[in-house]
N, C-alpha and C. Protein backbone atom coordinates (compact mmCIF):
# COMPACT_ATOMS: atom_id res chain seq x y z
N MET A 1 -69.00 10.89 -8.43
CA MET A 1 -67.57 11.20 -8.50
C MET A 1 -66.77 10.12 -7.79
N THR A 2 -67.27 9.52 -6.82
CA THR A 2 -66.49 8.44 -6.12
C THR A 2 -66.38 7.26 -6.95
N ALA A 3 -67.43 6.89 -7.69
CA ALA A 3 -67.34 5.75 -8.56
C ALA A 3 -66.42 5.97 -9.70
N ALA A 4 -66.42 7.22 -10.29
CA ALA A 4 -65.49 7.45 -11.39
C ALA A 4 -64.05 7.47 -10.91
N SER A 5 -63.80 8.11 -9.78
CA SER A 5 -62.44 8.17 -9.33
C SER A 5 -62.00 6.88 -8.83
N GLY A 6 -62.89 6.08 -8.19
CA GLY A 6 -62.53 4.74 -7.75
C GLY A 6 -62.22 3.84 -8.96
N ASN A 7 -62.96 3.99 -10.06
CA ASN A 7 -62.72 3.18 -11.25
C ASN A 7 -61.37 3.47 -11.82
N TRP A 8 -61.04 4.79 -11.89
CA TRP A 8 -59.75 5.22 -12.43
C TRP A 8 -58.57 4.73 -11.55
N SER A 9 -58.84 4.83 -10.26
CA SER A 9 -57.85 4.31 -9.27
C SER A 9 -57.57 2.85 -9.49
N ASP A 10 -58.58 2.13 -9.78
CA ASP A 10 -58.39 0.65 -10.00
C ASP A 10 -57.52 0.40 -11.25
N TRP A 11 -57.79 1.21 -12.33
CA TRP A 11 -56.96 1.07 -13.53
C TRP A 11 -55.55 1.49 -13.25
N GLY A 12 -55.38 2.53 -12.45
CA GLY A 12 -54.05 2.98 -12.06
C GLY A 12 -53.24 1.90 -11.33
N GLN A 13 -53.96 1.23 -10.42
CA GLN A 13 -53.34 0.20 -9.67
C GLN A 13 -52.98 -1.02 -10.60
N ILE A 14 -53.90 -1.32 -11.46
CA ILE A 14 -53.67 -2.41 -12.43
C ILE A 14 -52.45 -2.12 -13.30
N THR A 15 -52.44 -0.86 -13.81
CA THR A 15 -51.34 -0.40 -14.64
C THR A 15 -50.06 -0.51 -13.88
N PHE A 16 -50.02 -0.07 -12.66
CA PHE A 16 -48.80 -0.11 -11.79
C PHE A 16 -48.40 -1.49 -11.55
N VAL A 17 -49.36 -2.43 -11.24
CA VAL A 17 -48.98 -3.84 -11.01
C VAL A 17 -48.38 -4.46 -12.33
N LEU A 18 -49.02 -4.17 -13.47
CA LEU A 18 -48.48 -4.73 -14.74
C LEU A 18 -47.13 -4.21 -15.07
N VAL A 19 -46.92 -2.90 -14.89
CA VAL A 19 -45.58 -2.32 -15.17
C VAL A 19 -44.60 -2.91 -14.19
N PHE A 20 -44.93 -3.08 -12.91
CA PHE A 20 -44.09 -3.59 -11.96
C PHE A 20 -43.69 -5.04 -12.31
N MET A 21 -44.68 -5.85 -12.65
CA MET A 21 -44.42 -7.23 -13.10
C MET A 21 -43.58 -7.27 -14.32
N GLY A 22 -43.78 -6.40 -15.28
CA GLY A 22 -42.95 -6.34 -16.44
C GLY A 22 -41.51 -6.02 -16.10
N LEU A 23 -41.27 -5.07 -15.26
CA LEU A 23 -39.95 -4.70 -14.82
C LEU A 23 -39.29 -5.83 -14.05
N MET A 24 -40.05 -6.55 -13.24
CA MET A 24 -39.45 -7.65 -12.49
C MET A 24 -39.12 -8.78 -13.40
N THR A 25 -39.92 -9.01 -14.31
CA THR A 25 -39.68 -10.11 -15.41
C THR A 25 -38.41 -9.72 -16.15
N PHE A 26 -38.29 -8.49 -16.60
CA PHE A 26 -37.09 -8.05 -17.30
C PHE A 26 -35.82 -8.21 -16.39
N LEU A 27 -35.99 -7.87 -15.10
CA LEU A 27 -34.85 -7.97 -14.24
C LEU A 27 -34.44 -9.37 -14.03
N VAL A 28 -35.41 -10.29 -13.82
CA VAL A 28 -35.10 -11.72 -13.73
C VAL A 28 -34.39 -12.25 -14.95
N ILE A 29 -34.93 -11.84 -16.13
CA ILE A 29 -34.33 -12.39 -17.35
C ILE A 29 -32.90 -11.77 -17.53
N ALA A 30 -32.69 -10.53 -17.19
CA ALA A 30 -31.35 -9.93 -17.22
C ALA A 30 -30.45 -10.66 -16.31
N ILE A 31 -30.85 -10.96 -15.13
CA ILE A 31 -30.02 -11.57 -14.13
C ILE A 31 -29.65 -13.03 -14.63
N LEU A 32 -30.63 -13.75 -15.23
CA LEU A 32 -30.36 -15.10 -15.77
C LEU A 32 -29.40 -15.02 -16.90
N ALA A 33 -29.51 -14.00 -17.78
CA ALA A 33 -28.61 -13.85 -18.96
C ALA A 33 -27.16 -13.57 -18.45
N VAL A 34 -27.04 -12.70 -17.47
CA VAL A 34 -25.75 -12.38 -16.92
C VAL A 34 -25.08 -13.64 -16.27
N SER A 35 -25.94 -14.31 -15.52
CA SER A 35 -25.51 -15.58 -14.85
C SER A 35 -25.00 -16.64 -15.89
N ALA A 36 -25.77 -16.69 -16.93
CA ALA A 36 -25.38 -17.66 -18.05
C ALA A 36 -24.03 -17.28 -18.60
N ARG A 37 -23.79 -15.99 -18.85
CA ARG A 37 -22.52 -15.50 -19.39
C ARG A 37 -21.37 -15.79 -18.47
N ILE A 38 -21.63 -15.56 -17.20
CA ILE A 38 -20.60 -15.79 -16.15
C ILE A 38 -20.22 -17.31 -16.16
N VAL A 39 -21.24 -18.14 -16.16
CA VAL A 39 -20.97 -19.57 -16.14
C VAL A 39 -20.24 -19.98 -17.40
N ALA A 40 -20.61 -19.46 -18.57
CA ALA A 40 -19.95 -19.79 -19.84
C ALA A 40 -18.53 -19.31 -19.77
N ALA A 41 -18.23 -18.15 -19.19
CA ALA A 41 -16.90 -17.66 -19.07
C ALA A 41 -16.08 -18.52 -18.23
N ARG A 42 -16.63 -18.98 -17.11
CA ARG A 42 -15.87 -19.87 -16.15
C ARG A 42 -15.59 -21.16 -16.80
N VAL A 43 -16.57 -21.73 -17.59
CA VAL A 43 -16.40 -22.97 -18.25
C VAL A 43 -15.26 -22.81 -19.34
N SER A 44 -15.29 -21.72 -20.02
CA SER A 44 -14.30 -21.52 -21.07
C SER A 44 -12.93 -21.29 -20.40
N ALA A 45 -12.82 -20.63 -19.30
CA ALA A 45 -11.51 -20.47 -18.61
C ALA A 45 -10.97 -21.82 -18.09
N ALA A 46 -11.85 -22.61 -17.64
CA ALA A 46 -11.50 -23.97 -17.13
C ALA A 46 -11.06 -24.84 -18.22
N ARG A 47 -11.72 -24.72 -19.41
CA ARG A 47 -11.35 -25.59 -20.57
C ARG A 47 -10.00 -25.05 -21.07
N GLU A 48 -9.73 -23.81 -21.04
CA GLU A 48 -8.44 -23.26 -21.54
C GLU A 48 -7.36 -23.67 -20.63
N ARG A 49 -7.60 -23.69 -19.31
CA ARG A 49 -6.63 -24.08 -18.32
C ARG A 49 -6.28 -25.53 -18.51
N ASP A 50 -7.31 -26.33 -18.70
CA ASP A 50 -7.07 -27.80 -18.95
C ASP A 50 -6.27 -28.05 -20.19
N LEU A 51 -6.58 -27.30 -21.22
CA LEU A 51 -5.80 -27.43 -22.53
C LEU A 51 -4.37 -26.99 -22.32
N LYS A 52 -4.15 -25.98 -21.53
CA LYS A 52 -2.73 -25.57 -21.28
C LYS A 52 -2.00 -26.65 -20.53
N ASP A 53 -2.73 -27.20 -19.51
CA ASP A 53 -2.06 -28.33 -18.77
C ASP A 53 -1.73 -29.51 -19.69
N LEU A 54 -2.71 -29.79 -20.55
CA LEU A 54 -2.49 -30.97 -21.48
C LEU A 54 -1.31 -30.67 -22.45
N VAL A 55 -1.17 -29.49 -22.91
CA VAL A 55 -0.08 -29.13 -23.81
C VAL A 55 1.19 -29.19 -22.98
N GLN A 56 1.26 -28.71 -21.74
CA GLN A 56 2.47 -28.77 -20.97
C GLN A 56 2.89 -30.25 -20.70
N ARG A 57 1.93 -31.13 -20.38
CA ARG A 57 2.20 -32.54 -20.18
C ARG A 57 2.67 -33.23 -21.45
N SER A 58 2.07 -32.88 -22.58
CA SER A 58 2.53 -33.46 -23.82
C SER A 58 3.92 -33.00 -24.19
N GLN A 59 4.29 -31.77 -23.87
CA GLN A 59 5.61 -31.29 -24.17
C GLN A 59 6.63 -32.00 -23.21
N ASP A 60 6.21 -32.14 -21.97
CA ASP A 60 7.12 -32.90 -21.02
C ASP A 60 7.33 -34.35 -21.52
N LEU A 61 6.20 -35.00 -21.91
CA LEU A 61 6.37 -36.39 -22.40
C LEU A 61 7.21 -36.46 -23.69
N GLU A 62 7.06 -35.46 -24.59
CA GLU A 62 7.76 -35.42 -25.81
C GLU A 62 9.31 -35.31 -25.50
N ALA A 63 9.65 -34.45 -24.54
CA ALA A 63 11.00 -34.27 -24.12
C ALA A 63 11.55 -35.60 -23.56
N GLN A 64 10.72 -36.22 -22.71
CA GLN A 64 11.19 -37.48 -22.07
C GLN A 64 11.39 -38.52 -23.15
N ILE A 65 10.48 -38.68 -24.05
CA ILE A 65 10.61 -39.66 -25.17
C ILE A 65 11.85 -39.32 -25.98
N GLY A 66 12.05 -38.08 -26.29
CA GLY A 66 13.28 -37.73 -27.03
C GLY A 66 14.56 -38.15 -26.30
N LYS A 67 14.56 -37.89 -25.00
CA LYS A 67 15.77 -38.27 -24.21
C LYS A 67 15.92 -39.76 -24.24
N GLU A 68 14.86 -40.49 -24.04
CA GLU A 68 14.98 -42.00 -24.00
C GLU A 68 15.35 -42.49 -25.39
N LEU A 69 14.88 -41.87 -26.45
CA LEU A 69 15.20 -42.27 -27.79
C LEU A 69 16.71 -42.05 -28.09
N GLY A 70 17.20 -40.92 -27.60
CA GLY A 70 18.61 -40.62 -27.70
C GLY A 70 19.50 -41.65 -27.01
N GLU A 71 19.00 -42.07 -25.79
CA GLU A 71 19.77 -43.12 -25.05
C GLU A 71 19.71 -44.43 -25.83
N LEU A 72 18.61 -44.79 -26.40
CA LEU A 72 18.50 -46.01 -27.17
C LEU A 72 19.40 -45.96 -28.41
N ARG A 73 19.52 -44.81 -29.00
CA ARG A 73 20.38 -44.68 -30.19
C ARG A 73 21.85 -44.90 -29.76
N GLU A 74 22.20 -44.35 -28.62
CA GLU A 74 23.58 -44.52 -28.13
C GLU A 74 23.81 -45.98 -27.85
N ARG A 75 22.96 -46.70 -27.23
CA ARG A 75 23.10 -48.10 -26.91
C ARG A 75 23.25 -48.91 -28.17
N VAL A 76 22.34 -48.62 -29.17
CA VAL A 76 22.42 -49.40 -30.42
C VAL A 76 23.75 -49.17 -31.09
N THR A 77 24.23 -47.85 -31.10
CA THR A 77 25.55 -47.52 -31.72
C THR A 77 26.65 -48.35 -31.03
N ARG A 78 26.66 -48.41 -29.68
CA ARG A 78 27.64 -49.15 -28.92
C ARG A 78 27.53 -50.62 -29.26
N MET A 79 26.33 -51.16 -29.41
CA MET A 79 26.21 -52.56 -29.71
C MET A 79 26.74 -52.85 -31.13
N GLU A 80 26.52 -51.95 -32.08
CA GLU A 80 27.02 -52.09 -33.47
C GLU A 80 28.51 -52.08 -33.40
N SER A 81 29.09 -51.14 -32.62
CA SER A 81 30.55 -51.12 -32.60
C SER A 81 31.16 -52.42 -31.98
N ILE A 82 30.48 -52.91 -30.95
CA ILE A 82 30.97 -54.17 -30.27
C ILE A 82 30.78 -55.34 -31.32
N LEU A 83 29.74 -55.38 -32.03
CA LEU A 83 29.54 -56.42 -33.05
C LEU A 83 30.58 -56.33 -34.18
N ARG A 84 30.95 -55.16 -34.54
CA ARG A 84 31.97 -54.93 -35.54
C ARG A 84 33.31 -55.40 -35.07
N THR A 85 33.57 -55.15 -33.78
CA THR A 85 34.82 -55.57 -33.15
C THR A 85 34.85 -57.03 -33.10
N VAL A 86 33.81 -57.73 -32.80
CA VAL A 86 33.78 -59.13 -32.63
C VAL A 86 33.97 -59.79 -34.01
N GLU A 87 33.50 -59.22 -35.04
CA GLU A 87 33.60 -59.82 -36.36
C GLU A 87 35.03 -59.77 -36.76
């Protein structure tokens, strides 16, 4: 009786250890998957923030270039009027 119950006890322990290892493996894989999603979300958010900054800077530069182009047009118009007066 001892040998039979001891034998079954060994299989029970082996089964417990295998199930425990399987659960721990699943838990580790789940944690890694969640961590990967968190990192991907942070990278995506950082990329989006950088793109918004880039758009804002390009809009600011476009406004500045438009202003400077307007000033150049005014100067050219004045120069044309001065040249017409001189002729």
